[in-house]
């Protein structure tokens, strides 16, 4: 069978609508259990693709060749990817997911499932800002903020600025909306004098590439920082777009954390700047080993270098 180039595959994928940014969840070799749990919790959920470790990827990560590497899945139409990455990183509540529920029955059902062996961060109850709301960290470490509100985007990522990044939410929001196209600040509320650090961001809705996000400053100085346990994949249509996002997001970031298309920006948030077709390339057994060998030598992804490696 004739091998497609990465550019040809990318062009093919560009003909369909895609979620340009999606979360990437790092698990300590229990990604399958976690994904199956989420599929059982949410009514509209399904596994999309499963990629396995090539020889090169296994050697680099300490995994077994042929074992499950990543699982792409969707819940309520929102794409996520889980990886069996080992113990290097641990997901924490600095990034959580709002789940916008339409009824008491829905929020109660989701809460009871997500609370199984989980940790309650804010009890499910009525609050001044919501008819019903609760914040739970599930048994796999992923945090969910359940709220009753009728909203088109069912799942919304939320950044909580604490630890070394405390009080930097507004600076980060302005930075991200300046970097990504089709971005805007929709709503920004600040703490008053009665609670929290006055003037800091208590809640902000904003969009990046037409996808909604939320950000907030922690109401107190909590020892929780962003880390690569939960990163965001930016799917790029070509090398020009890869160069743009890499240069913008890595400016002032963590130099030592820049490898294989991964970077940590100046706020500690991790991003993966990759071509849209990478998942399909890695799912092709004939190409995965060659592509992975090439990617392991890179910081910023170079499409032509991957194409040359596949063609050999």
C-alpha atoms as a PDB file:
ATOM      1  CA  UNK A   1       0.000   0.000   0.000  1.00  0.00           C
ATOM      2  CA  UNK A   2       1.353   3.428  -0.900  1.00  0.00           C
ATOM      3  CA  UNK A   3       2.378   5.474   2.142  1.00  0.00           C
ATOM      4  CA  UNK A   4       0.676   8.861   2.504  1.00  0.00           C
ATOM      5  CA  UNK A   5       2.854  11.800   3.476  1.00  0.00           C
ATOM      6  CA  UNK A   6       2.059  13.678   6.648  1.00  0.00           C
ATOM      7  CA  UNK A   7       1.082  16.725   4.574  1.00  0.00           C
ATOM      8  CA  UNK A   8      -1.384  14.694   2.470  1.00  0.00           C
ATOM      9  CA  UNK A   9      -2.952  13.223   5.577  1.00  0.00           C
ATOM     10  CA  UNK A  10      -3.212  16.651   7.187  1.00  0.00           C
ATOM     11  CA  UNK A  11      -4.905  18.066   4.085  1.00  0.00           C
ATOM     12  CA  UNK A  12      -7.371  15.189   4.167  1.00  0.00           C
ATOM     13  CA  UNK A  13      -8.192  15.829   7.818  1.00  0.00           C
ATOM     14  CA  UNK A  14      -8.619  19.542   7.179  1.00  0.00           C
ATOM     15  CA  UNK A  15     -11.737  18.787   5.124  1.00  0.00           C
ATOM     16  CA  UNK A  16     -13.612  17.827   8.303  1.00  0.00           C
ATOM     17  CA  UNK A  17     -14.468  19.956  11.326  1.00  0.00           C
ATOM     18  CA  UNK A  18     -12.186  19.366  14.305  1.00  0.00           C
ATOM     19  CA  UNK A  19     -11.847  20.435  17.898  1.00  0.00           C
ATOM     20  CA  UNK A  20      -8.680  22.469  17.561  1.00  0.00           C
ATOM     21  CA  UNK A  21      -7.687  22.209  21.231  1.00  0.00           C
ATOM     22  CA  UNK A  22      -8.259  19.158  23.403  1.00  0.00           C
ATOM     23  CA  UNK A  23      -7.158  18.069  26.897  1.00  0.00           C
ATOM     24  CA  UNK A  24      -4.521  15.362  27.307  1.00  0.00           C
ATOM     25  CA  UNK A  25      -4.720  13.408  30.582  1.00  0.00           C
ATOM     26  CA  UNK A  26      -1.663  11.640  31.999  1.00  0.00           C
ATOM     27  CA  UNK A  27      -2.343   8.424  33.951  1.00  0.00           C
ATOM     28  CA  UNK A  28      -0.031   6.080  35.829  1.00  0.00           C
ATOM     29  CA  UNK A  29      -0.696   3.053  33.617  1.00  0.00           C
ATOM     30  CA  UNK A  30      -4.435   2.974  34.308  1.00  0.00           C
ATOM     31  CA  UNK A  31      -5.698   5.028  31.367  1.00  0.00           C
ATOM     32  CA  UNK A  32      -7.966   2.190  30.202  1.00  0.00           C
ATOM     33  CA  UNK A  33      -9.645   1.996  33.605  1.00  0.00           C
ATOM     34  CA  UNK A  34     -10.075   5.768  33.741  1.00  0.00           C
ATOM     35  CA  UNK A  35     -11.543   6.051  30.243  1.00  0.00           C
ATOM     36  CA  UNK A  36     -13.917   3.141  30.809  1.00  0.00           C
ATOM     37  CA  UNK A  37     -15.028   4.845  34.027  1.00  0.00           C
ATOM     38  CA  UNK A  38     -15.779   8.122  32.220  1.00  0.00           C
ATOM     39  CA  UNK A  39     -17.624   6.285  29.457  1.00  0.00           C
ATOM     40  CA  UNK A  40     -19.823   4.688  32.139  1.00  0.00           C
ATOM     41  CA  UNK A  41     -20.399   7.982  33.987  1.00  0.00           C
ATOM     42  CA  UNK A  42     -21.459  10.152  31.066  1.00  0.00           C
ATOM     43  CA  UNK A  43     -24.407   9.122  28.917  1.00  0.00           C
ATOM     44  CA  UNK A  44     -23.092  10.522  25.628  1.00  0.00           C
ATOM     45  CA  UNK A  45     -19.563   9.134  25.567  1.00  0.00           C
ATOM     46  CA  UNK A  46     -17.468   6.802  23.429  1.00  0.00           C
ATOM     47  CA  UNK A  47     -13.912   5.679  22.664  1.00  0.00           C
ATOM     48  CA  UNK A  48     -12.705   6.950  19.284  1.00  0.00           C
ATOM     49  CA  UNK A  49      -9.218   5.506  18.726  1.00  0.00           C
ATOM     50  CA  UNK A  50      -6.542   3.543  20.597  1.00  0.00           C
ATOM     51  CA  UNK A  51      -2.841   3.874  19.761  1.00  0.00           C
ATOM     52  CA  UNK A  52      -0.204   1.467  21.057  1.00  0.00           C
ATOM     53  CA  UNK A  53       3.442   1.971  21.977  1.00  0.00           C
ATOM     54  CA  UNK A  54       5.937   1.394  19.203  1.00  0.00           C
ATOM     55  CA  UNK A  55       9.368  -0.013  20.049  1.00  0.00           C
ATOM     56  CA  UNK A  56      10.877   3.479  20.096  1.00  0.00           C
ATOM     57  CA  UNK A  57       8.105   4.966  22.186  1.00  0.00           C
ATOM     58  CA  UNK A  58       8.227   2.065  24.634  1.00  0.00           C
ATOM     59  CA  UNK A  59      11.989   2.383  25.104  1.00  0.00           C
ATOM     60  CA  UNK A  60      11.704   6.119  25.734  1.00  0.00           C
ATOM     61  CA  UNK A  61       8.850   5.843  28.228  1.00  0.00           C
ATOM     62  CA  UNK A  62       9.588   2.562  30.000  1.00  0.00           C
ATOM     63  CA  UNK A  63       6.390   0.962  28.698  1.00  0.00           C
ATOM     64  CA  UNK A  64       5.941  -2.375  26.939  1.00  0.00           C
ATOM     65  CA  UNK A  65       5.898  -2.403  23.123  1.00  0.00           C
ATOM     66  CA  UNK A  66       2.377  -3.007  21.894  1.00  0.00           C
ATOM     67  CA  UNK A  67       0.748  -1.867  25.136  1.00  0.00           C
ATOM     68  CA  UNK A  68      -1.875   0.881  25.079  1.00  0.00           C
ATOM     69  CA  UNK A  69      -0.274   4.310  24.711  1.00  0.00           C
ATOM     70  CA  UNK A  70      -3.168   6.731  24.125  1.00  0.00           C
ATOM     71  CA  UNK A  71      -6.937   6.501  24.044  1.00  0.00           C
ATOM     72  CA  UNK A  72      -8.911   9.230  22.294  1.00  0.00           C
ATOM     73  CA  UNK A  73     -12.455   9.484  23.604  1.00  0.00           C
ATOM     74  CA  UNK A  74     -15.309  11.938  23.734  1.00  0.00           C
ATOM     75  CA  UNK A  75     -17.826  12.844  26.379  1.00  0.00           C
ATOM     76  CA  UNK A  76     -20.811  14.979  25.456  1.00  0.00           C
ATOM     77  CA  UNK A  77     -19.168  15.765  22.110  1.00  0.00           C
ATOM     78  CA  UNK A  78     -15.964  17.008  23.760  1.00  0.00           C
ATOM     79  CA  UNK A  79     -12.740  15.232  22.776  1.00  0.00           C
ATOM     80  CA  UNK A  80     -10.081  14.202  25.285  1.00  0.00           C
ATOM     81  CA  UNK A  81      -7.043  11.927  25.106  1.00  0.00           C
ATOM     82  CA  UNK A  82      -5.678   9.731  27.912  1.00  0.00           C
ATOM     83  CA  UNK A  83      -2.141   8.327  28.003  1.00  0.00           C
ATOM     84  CA  UNK A  84      -0.514   5.512  29.964  1.00  0.00           C
ATOM     85  CA  UNK A  85       2.514   7.591  30.853  1.00  0.00           C
ATOM     86  CA  UNK A  86       3.737   6.086  34.113  1.00  0.00           C
ATOM     87  CA  UNK A  87       4.354   7.905  37.419  1.00  0.00           C
ATOM     88  CA  UNK A  88       6.208  10.960  36.075  1.00  0.00           C
ATOM     89  CA  UNK A  89       3.268  13.383  36.432  1.00  0.00           C
ATOM     90  CA  UNK A  90       0.127  13.528  38.547  1.00  0.00           C
ATOM     91  CA  UNK A  91      -3.093  15.328  37.627  1.00  0.00           C
ATOM     92  CA  UNK A  92      -4.183  17.905  40.219  1.00  0.00           C
ATOM     93  CA  UNK A  93      -7.091  20.378  40.615  1.00  0.00           C
ATOM     94  CA  UNK A  94      -5.212  23.316  39.042  1.00  0.00           C
ATOM     95  CA  UNK A  95      -7.079  22.310  35.860  1.00  0.00           C
ATOM     96  CA  UNK A  96     -10.615  20.987  36.196  1.00  0.00           C
ATOM     97  CA  UNK A  97     -13.672  20.570  33.987  1.00  0.00           C
ATOM     98  CA  UNK A  98     -16.993  22.322  34.381  1.00  0.00           C
ATOM     99  CA  UNK A  99     -19.919  20.050  33.501  1.00  0.00           C
ATOM    100  CA  UNK A 100     -22.973  22.093  32.596  1.00  0.00           C
ATOM    101  CA  UNK A 101     -26.047  20.127  33.708  1.00  0.00           C
ATOM    102  CA  UNK A 102     -29.627  20.812  32.695  1.00  0.00           C
ATOM    103  CA  UNK A 103     -31.474  19.379  35.689  1.00  0.00           C
ATOM    104  CA  UNK A 104     -31.243  18.341  39.324  1.00  0.00           C
ATOM    105  CA  UNK A 105     -31.600  14.716  38.269  1.00  0.00           C
ATOM    106  CA  UNK A 106     -28.643  14.971  35.907  1.00  0.00           C
ATOM    107  CA  UNK A 107     -26.296  16.696  38.359  1.00  0.00           C
ATOM    108  CA  UNK A 108     -27.233  14.309  41.179  1.00  0.00           C
ATOM    109  CA  UNK A 109     -26.600  11.265  38.981  1.00  0.00           C
ATOM    110  CA  UNK A 110     -23.193  12.507  37.766  1.00  0.00           C
ATOM    111  CA  UNK A 111     -22.161  13.513  41.281  1.00  0.00           C
ATOM    112  CA  UNK A 112     -22.962  10.126  42.781  1.00  0.00           C
ATOM    113  CA  UNK A 113     -20.847   8.366  40.129  1.00  0.00           C
ATOM    114  CA  UNK A 114     -17.883  10.756  40.152  1.00  0.00           C
ATOM    115  CA  UNK A 115     -17.837  10.802  43.968  1.00  0.00           C
ATOM    116  CA  UNK A 116     -17.204   7.043  44.126  1.00  0.00           C
ATOM    117  CA  UNK A 117     -13.876   6.863  46.035  1.00  0.00           C
ATOM    118  CA  UNK A 118     -13.308  10.504  45.121  1.00  0.00           C
ATOM    119  CA  UNK A 119     -12.544  13.635  47.169  1.00  0.00           C
ATOM    120  CA  UNK A 120     -15.106  16.392  47.701  1.00  0.00           C
ATOM    121  CA  UNK A 121     -13.595  19.854  47.211  1.00  0.00           C
ATOM    122  CA  UNK A 122     -16.873  21.776  47.481  1.00  0.00           C
ATOM    123  CA  UNK A 123     -20.043  19.995  48.552  1.00  0.00           C
ATOM    124  CA  UNK A 124     -22.919  19.616  46.105  1.00  0.00           C
ATOM    125  CA  UNK A 125     -25.293  22.318  47.313  1.00  0.00           C
ATOM    126  CA  UNK A 126     -26.987  25.606  46.547  1.00  0.00           C
ATOM    127  CA  UNK A 127     -24.649  28.618  46.315  1.00  0.00           C
ATOM    128  CA  UNK A 128     -25.140  32.358  45.639  1.00  0.00           C
ATOM    129  CA  UNK A 129     -23.798  31.832  42.122  1.00  0.00           C
ATOM    130  CA  UNK A 130     -25.689  28.622  41.276  1.00  0.00           C
ATOM    131  CA  UNK A 131     -28.921  26.776  41.974  1.00  0.00           C
ATOM    132  CA  UNK A 132     -26.778  23.685  42.504  1.00  0.00           C
ATOM    133  CA  UNK A 133     -23.006  23.240  42.274  1.00  0.00           C
ATOM    134  CA  UNK A 134     -20.283  20.907  43.511  1.00  0.00           C
ATOM    135  CA  UNK A 135     -16.555  20.322  42.931  1.00  0.00           C
ATOM    136  CA  UNK A 136     -15.261  16.753  43.069  1.00  0.00           C
ATOM    137  CA  UNK A 137     -11.891  15.117  42.411  1.00  0.00           C
ATOM    138  CA  UNK A 138     -12.585  11.605  41.127  1.00  0.00           C
ATOM    139  CA  UNK A 139     -10.704   8.425  42.040  1.00  0.00           C
ATOM    140  CA  UNK A 140      -8.290   8.931  39.128  1.00  0.00           C
ATOM    141  CA  UNK A 141      -7.383  12.470  40.205  1.00  0.00           C
ATOM    142  CA  UNK A 142      -9.383  14.389  37.577  1.00  0.00           C
ATOM    143  CA  UNK A 143     -11.424  17.293  38.969  1.00  0.00           C
ATOM    144  CA  UNK A 144     -14.973  18.151  37.881  1.00  0.00           C
ATOM    145  CA  UNK A 145     -17.090  21.195  38.713  1.00  0.00           C
ATOM    146  CA  UNK A 146     -20.743  20.259  38.291  1.00  0.00           C
ATOM    147  CA  UNK A 147     -23.232  23.095  37.897  1.00  0.00           C
ATOM    148  CA  UNK A 148     -26.820  23.513  36.738  1.00  0.00           C
ATOM    149  CA  UNK A 149     -26.861  25.847  33.768  1.00  0.00           C
ATOM    150  CA  UNK A 150     -28.061  25.417  30.214  1.00  0.00           C
ATOM    151  CA  UNK A 151     -24.970  25.848  28.111  1.00  0.00           C
ATOM    152  CA  UNK A 152     -24.117  24.785  24.560  1.00  0.00           C
ATOM    153  CA  UNK A 153     -20.585  23.560  25.424  1.00  0.00           C
ATOM    154  CA  UNK A 154     -21.267  20.823  27.936  1.00  0.00           C
ATOM    155  CA  UNK A 155     -17.649  20.342  29.131  1.00  0.00           C
ATOM    156  CA  UNK A 156     -15.511  23.421  29.789  1.00  0.00           C
ATOM    157  CA  UNK A 157     -11.875  23.352  31.007  1.00  0.00           C
ATOM    158  CA  UNK A 158     -11.051  25.600  33.953  1.00  0.00           C
ATOM    159  CA  UNK A 159      -7.637  26.965  34.980  1.00  0.00           C
ATOM    160  CA  UNK A 160      -7.150  27.755  38.681  1.00  0.00           C
ATOM    161  CA  UNK A 161      -4.181  30.031  39.319  1.00  0.00           C
ATOM    162  CA  UNK A 162      -2.603  29.165  42.641  1.00  0.00           C
ATOM    163  CA  UNK A 163       0.804  28.233  44.022  1.00  0.00           C
ATOM    164  CA  UNK A 164       3.548  30.052  42.152  1.00  0.00           C
ATOM    165  CA  UNK A 165       0.964  31.402  39.660  1.00  0.00           C
ATOM    166  CA  UNK A 166      -1.448  32.862  42.230  1.00  0.00           C
ATOM    167  CA  UNK A 167      -3.056  36.147  41.095  1.00  0.00           C
ATOM    168  CA  UNK A 168      -1.851  35.723  37.502  1.00  0.00           C
ATOM    169  CA  UNK A 169      -5.207  34.671  35.993  1.00  0.00           C
ATOM    170  CA  UNK A 170      -5.957  37.993  34.271  1.00  0.00           C
ATOM    171  CA  UNK A 171      -2.457  38.237  32.810  1.00  0.00           C
ATOM    172  CA  UNK A 172      -2.748  34.676  31.476  1.00  0.00           C
ATOM    173  CA  UNK A 173      -6.231  35.220  30.014  1.00  0.00           C
ATOM    174  CA  UNK A 174      -5.060  38.290  28.118  1.00  0.00           C
ATOM    175  CA  UNK A 175      -2.001  36.382  26.919  1.00  0.00           C
ATOM    176  CA  UNK A 176      -3.939  33.338  25.668  1.00  0.00           C
ATOM    177  CA  UNK A 177      -6.620  35.411  23.927  1.00  0.00           C
ATOM    178  CA  UNK A 178      -3.876  37.377  22.153  1.00  0.00           C
ATOM    179  CA  UNK A 179      -2.213  34.162  20.920  1.00  0.00           C
ATOM    180  CA  UNK A 180      -5.201  32.164  19.660  1.00  0.00           C
ATOM    181  CA  UNK A 181      -7.480  33.229  16.820  1.00  0.00           C
ATOM    182  CA  UNK A 182     -11.241  33.592  17.290  1.00  0.00           C
ATOM    183  CA  UNK A 183     -10.710  34.381  20.954  1.00  0.00           C
ATOM    184  CA  UNK A 184     -12.396  36.836  23.300  1.00  0.00           C
ATOM    185  CA  UNK A 185     -13.119  37.528  26.950  1.00  0.00           C
ATOM    186  CA  UNK A 186     -16.839  36.918  27.462  1.00  0.00           C
ATOM    187  CA  UNK A 187     -17.233  37.658  31.158  1.00  0.00           C
ATOM    188  CA  UNK A 188     -14.794  38.662  33.903  1.00  0.00           C
ATOM    189  CA  UNK A 189     -15.751  38.972  37.575  1.00  0.00           C
ATOM    190  CA  UNK A 190     -13.420  40.108  40.349  1.00  0.00           C
ATOM    191  CA  UNK A 191     -13.218  39.479  44.070  1.00  0.00           C
ATOM    192  CA  UNK A 192     -14.584  42.248  46.262  1.00  0.00           C
ATOM    193  CA  UNK A 193     -13.323  43.310  49.662  1.00  0.00           C
ATOM    194  CA  UNK A 194     -15.368  40.694  51.527  1.00  0.00           C
ATOM    195  CA  UNK A 195     -13.675  37.497  50.295  1.00  0.00           C
ATOM    196  CA  UNK A 196     -10.544  36.509  48.419  1.00  0.00           C
ATOM    197  CA  UNK A 197      -7.789  38.795  47.131  1.00  0.00           C
ATOM    198  CA  UNK A 198      -9.576  42.023  46.169  1.00  0.00           C
ATOM    199  CA  UNK A 199      -9.481  42.755  42.437  1.00  0.00           C
ATOM    200  CA  UNK A 200      -8.294  39.260  41.507  1.00  0.00           C
ATOM    201  CA  UNK A 201     -10.286  37.104  39.085  1.00  0.00           C
ATOM    202  CA  UNK A 202     -13.025  35.132  40.795  1.00  0.00           C
ATOM    203  CA  UNK A 203     -14.415  33.822  37.478  1.00  0.00           C
ATOM    204  CA  UNK A 204     -13.716  34.511  33.817  1.00  0.00           C
ATOM    205  CA  UNK A 205     -15.242  32.958  30.697  1.00  0.00           C
ATOM    206  CA  UNK A 206     -13.227  33.306  27.514  1.00  0.00           C
ATOM    207  CA  UNK A 207     -12.813  31.579  24.158  1.00  0.00           C
ATOM    208  CA  UNK A 208      -9.758  30.237  22.330  1.00  0.00           C
ATOM    209  CA  UNK A 209     -10.317  29.153  18.728  1.00  0.00           C
ATOM    210  CA  UNK A 210     -14.073  29.417  19.394  1.00  0.00           C
ATOM    211  CA  UNK A 211     -13.854  26.973  22.335  1.00  0.00           C
ATOM    212  CA  UNK A 212     -14.920  28.150  25.767  1.00  0.00           C
ATOM    213  CA  UNK A 213     -12.584  28.084  28.779  1.00  0.00           C
ATOM    214  CA  UNK A 214     -12.827  29.344  32.348  1.00  0.00           C
ATOM    215  CA  UNK A 215     -10.090  30.791  34.553  1.00  0.00           C
ATOM    216  CA  UNK A 216      -9.946  31.923  38.174  1.00  0.00           C
ATOM    217  CA  UNK A 217      -7.523  32.964  40.861  1.00  0.00           C
ATOM    218  CA  UNK A 218      -7.693  30.728  43.907  1.00  0.00           C
ATOM    219  CA  UNK A 219      -9.433  32.525  46.791  1.00  0.00           C
ATOM    220  CA  UNK A 220      -6.413  31.647  48.931  1.00  0.00           C
ATOM    221  CA  UNK A 221      -2.772  30.741  48.322  1.00  0.00           C
ATOM    222  CA  UNK A 222      -3.092  26.987  47.766  1.00  0.00           C
ATOM    223  CA  UNK A 223       0.084  24.919  47.100  1.00  0.00           C
ATOM    224  CA  UNK A 224      -1.130  23.627  43.735  1.00  0.00           C
ATOM    225  CA  UNK A 225       0.685  24.391  40.485  1.00  0.00           C
ATOM    226  CA  UNK A 226       0.057  23.534  36.849  1.00  0.00           C
ATOM    227  CA  UNK A 227       2.033  20.536  35.597  1.00  0.00           C
ATOM    228  CA  UNK A 228       2.183  18.260  32.527  1.00  0.00           C
ATOM    229  CA  UNK A 229      -0.252  15.810  34.147  1.00  0.00           C
ATOM    230  CA  UNK A 230      -2.969  17.679  32.286  1.00  0.00           C
ATOM    231  CA  UNK A 231      -1.908  19.430  29.096  1.00  0.00           C
ATOM    232  CA  UNK A 232      -3.671  20.793  26.022  1.00  0.00           C
ATOM    233  CA  UNK A 233      -3.036  19.588  22.492  1.00  0.00           C
ATOM    234  CA  UNK A 234      -3.132  22.290  19.809  1.00  0.00           C
ATOM    235  CA  UNK A 235      -3.849  20.663  16.447  1.00  0.00           C
ATOM    236  CA  UNK A 236      -2.126  22.631  13.684  1.00  0.00           C
ATOM    237  CA  UNK A 237      -2.946  22.524   9.987  1.00  0.00           C
ATOM    238  CA  UNK A 238       0.622  23.072   8.721  1.00  0.00           C
ATOM    239  CA  UNK A 239       4.213  23.906   9.707  1.00  0.00           C
ATOM    240  CA  UNK A 240       3.539  27.627   9.677  1.00  0.00           C
ATOM    241  CA  UNK A 241       0.870  27.185  12.344  1.00  0.00           C
ATOM    242  CA  UNK A 242       3.122  24.891  14.393  1.00  0.00           C
ATOM    243  CA  UNK A 243       5.890  27.514  14.289  1.00  0.00           C
ATOM    244  CA  UNK A 244       3.471  30.270  15.301  1.00  0.00           C
ATOM    245  CA  UNK A 245       2.002  28.536  18.364  1.00  0.00           C
ATOM    246  CA  UNK A 246       5.347  27.112  19.461  1.00  0.00           C
ATOM    247  CA  UNK A 247       7.065  30.497  19.329  1.00  0.00           C
ATOM    248  CA  UNK A 248       4.213  32.353  21.038  1.00  0.00           C
ATOM    249  CA  UNK A 249       3.456  29.870  23.816  1.00  0.00           C
ATOM    250  CA  UNK A 250       7.078  28.999  24.614  1.00  0.00           C
ATOM    251  CA  UNK A 251       8.113  32.654  25.030  1.00  0.00           C
ATOM    252  CA  UNK A 252       9.282  33.057  28.609  1.00  0.00           C
ATOM    253  CA  UNK A 253       8.398  29.419  29.322  1.00  0.00           C
ATOM    254  CA  UNK A 254      10.233  26.497  30.857  1.00  0.00           C
ATOM    255  CA  UNK A 255      13.132  25.651  28.531  1.00  0.00           C
ATOM    256  CA  UNK A 256      13.793  22.224  30.051  1.00  0.00           C
ATOM    257  CA  UNK A 257      10.180  21.167  29.437  1.00  0.00           C
ATOM    258  CA  UNK A 258      10.353  21.666  25.670  1.00  0.00           C
ATOM    259  CA  UNK A 259      10.572  18.341  23.832  1.00  0.00           C
ATOM    260  CA  UNK A 260       8.628  16.159  21.384  1.00  0.00           C
ATOM    261  CA  UNK A 261       6.155  18.961  20.650  1.00  0.00           C
ATOM    262  CA  UNK A 262       5.509  19.580  24.377  1.00  0.00           C
ATOM    263  CA  UNK A 263       6.168  22.902  26.093  1.00  0.00           C
ATOM    264  CA  UNK A 264       5.315  24.628  29.359  1.00  0.00           C
ATOM    265  CA  UNK A 265       4.413  28.283  28.967  1.00  0.00           C
ATOM    266  CA  UNK A 266       5.413  31.095  31.324  1.00  0.00           C
ATOM    267  CA  UNK A 267       2.490  30.246  33.628  1.00  0.00           C
ATOM    268  CA  UNK A 268       3.430  26.566  33.843  1.00  0.00           C
ATOM    269  CA  UNK A 269       0.550  25.337  31.659  1.00  0.00           C
ATOM    270  CA  UNK A 270       1.595  22.521  29.314  1.00  0.00           C
ATOM    271  CA  UNK A 271       0.751  22.492  25.606  1.00  0.00           C
ATOM    272  CA  UNK A 272       1.427  20.000  22.821  1.00  0.00           C
ATOM    273  CA  UNK A 273       1.872  21.702  19.452  1.00  0.00           C
ATOM    274  CA  UNK A 274       1.303  18.988  16.848  1.00  0.00           C
ATOM    275  CA  UNK A 275       0.073  18.494  13.271  1.00  0.00           C
ATOM    276  CA  UNK A 276      -3.592  17.472  13.021  1.00  0.00           C
ATOM    277  CA  UNK A 277      -2.617  14.188  11.388  1.00  0.00           C
ATOM    278  CA  UNK A 278      -0.235  12.938  14.087  1.00  0.00           C
ATOM    279  CA  UNK A 279      -2.745  10.610  15.725  1.00  0.00           C
ATOM    280  CA  UNK A 280      -3.519   8.940  12.395  1.00  0.00           C
ATOM    281  CA  UNK A 281       0.175   8.600  11.595  1.00  0.00           C
ATOM    282  CA  UNK A 282       0.861   6.973  14.952  1.00  0.00           C
ATOM    283  CA  UNK A 283      -2.046   4.552  14.483  1.00  0.00           C
ATOM    284  CA  UNK A 284      -0.409   3.206  11.313  1.00  0.00           C
ATOM    285  CA  UNK A 285       1.914   0.386  12.457  1.00  0.00           C
ATOM    286  CA  UNK A 286       4.152   0.759   9.432  1.00  0.00           C
ATOM    287  CA  UNK A 287       4.746   4.470  10.100  1.00  0.00           C
ATOM    288  CA  UNK A 288       4.555   4.757  13.881  1.00  0.00           C
ATOM    289  CA  UNK A 289       8.060   3.476  14.665  1.00  0.00           C
ATOM    290  CA  UNK A 290       9.736   5.728  12.091  1.00  0.00           C
ATOM    291  CA  UNK A 291       7.682   8.748  13.130  1.00  0.00           C
ATOM    292  CA  UNK A 292       8.360   8.213  16.828  1.00  0.00           C
ATOM    293  CA  UNK A 293      12.120   7.857  16.261  1.00  0.00           C
ATOM    294  CA  UNK A 294      12.073  11.199  14.463  1.00  0.00           C
ATOM    295  CA  UNK A 295       9.863  12.955  17.041  1.00  0.00           C
ATOM    296  CA  UNK A 296      12.054  11.839  19.956  1.00  0.00           C
ATOM    297  CA  UNK A 297      14.888  13.899  18.471  1.00  0.00           C
ATOM    298  CA  UNK A 298      12.811  17.090  18.306  1.00  0.00           C
ATOM    299  CA  UNK A 299      11.685  19.892  20.529  1.00  0.00           C
ATOM    300  CA  UNK A 300       9.385  21.693  18.097  1.00  0.00           C
ATOM    301  CA  UNK A 301       7.726  19.284  15.643  1.00  0.00           C
ATOM    302  CA  UNK A 302       9.008  19.517  12.064  1.00  0.00           C
ATOM    303  CA  UNK A 303       6.601  17.966   9.552  1.00  0.00           C
ATOM    304  CA  UNK A 304       9.157  17.569   6.738  1.00  0.00           C
ATOM    305  CA  UNK A 305      11.531  15.659   9.007  1.00  0.00           C
ATOM    306  CA  UNK A 306       8.751  13.230   9.966  1.00  0.00           C
ATOM    307  CA  UNK A 307       7.798  12.802   6.311  1.00  0.00           C
ATOM    308  CA  UNK A 308      11.388  11.995   5.371  1.00  0.00           C
ATOM    309  CA  UNK A 309      11.618   9.472   8.207  1.00  0.00           C
ATOM    310  CA  UNK A 310       8.404   7.738   7.093  1.00  0.00           C
ATOM    311  CA  UNK A 311       9.554   7.628   3.472  1.00  0.00           C
ATOM    312  CA  UNK A 312      12.813   5.791   4.298  1.00  0.00           C
END
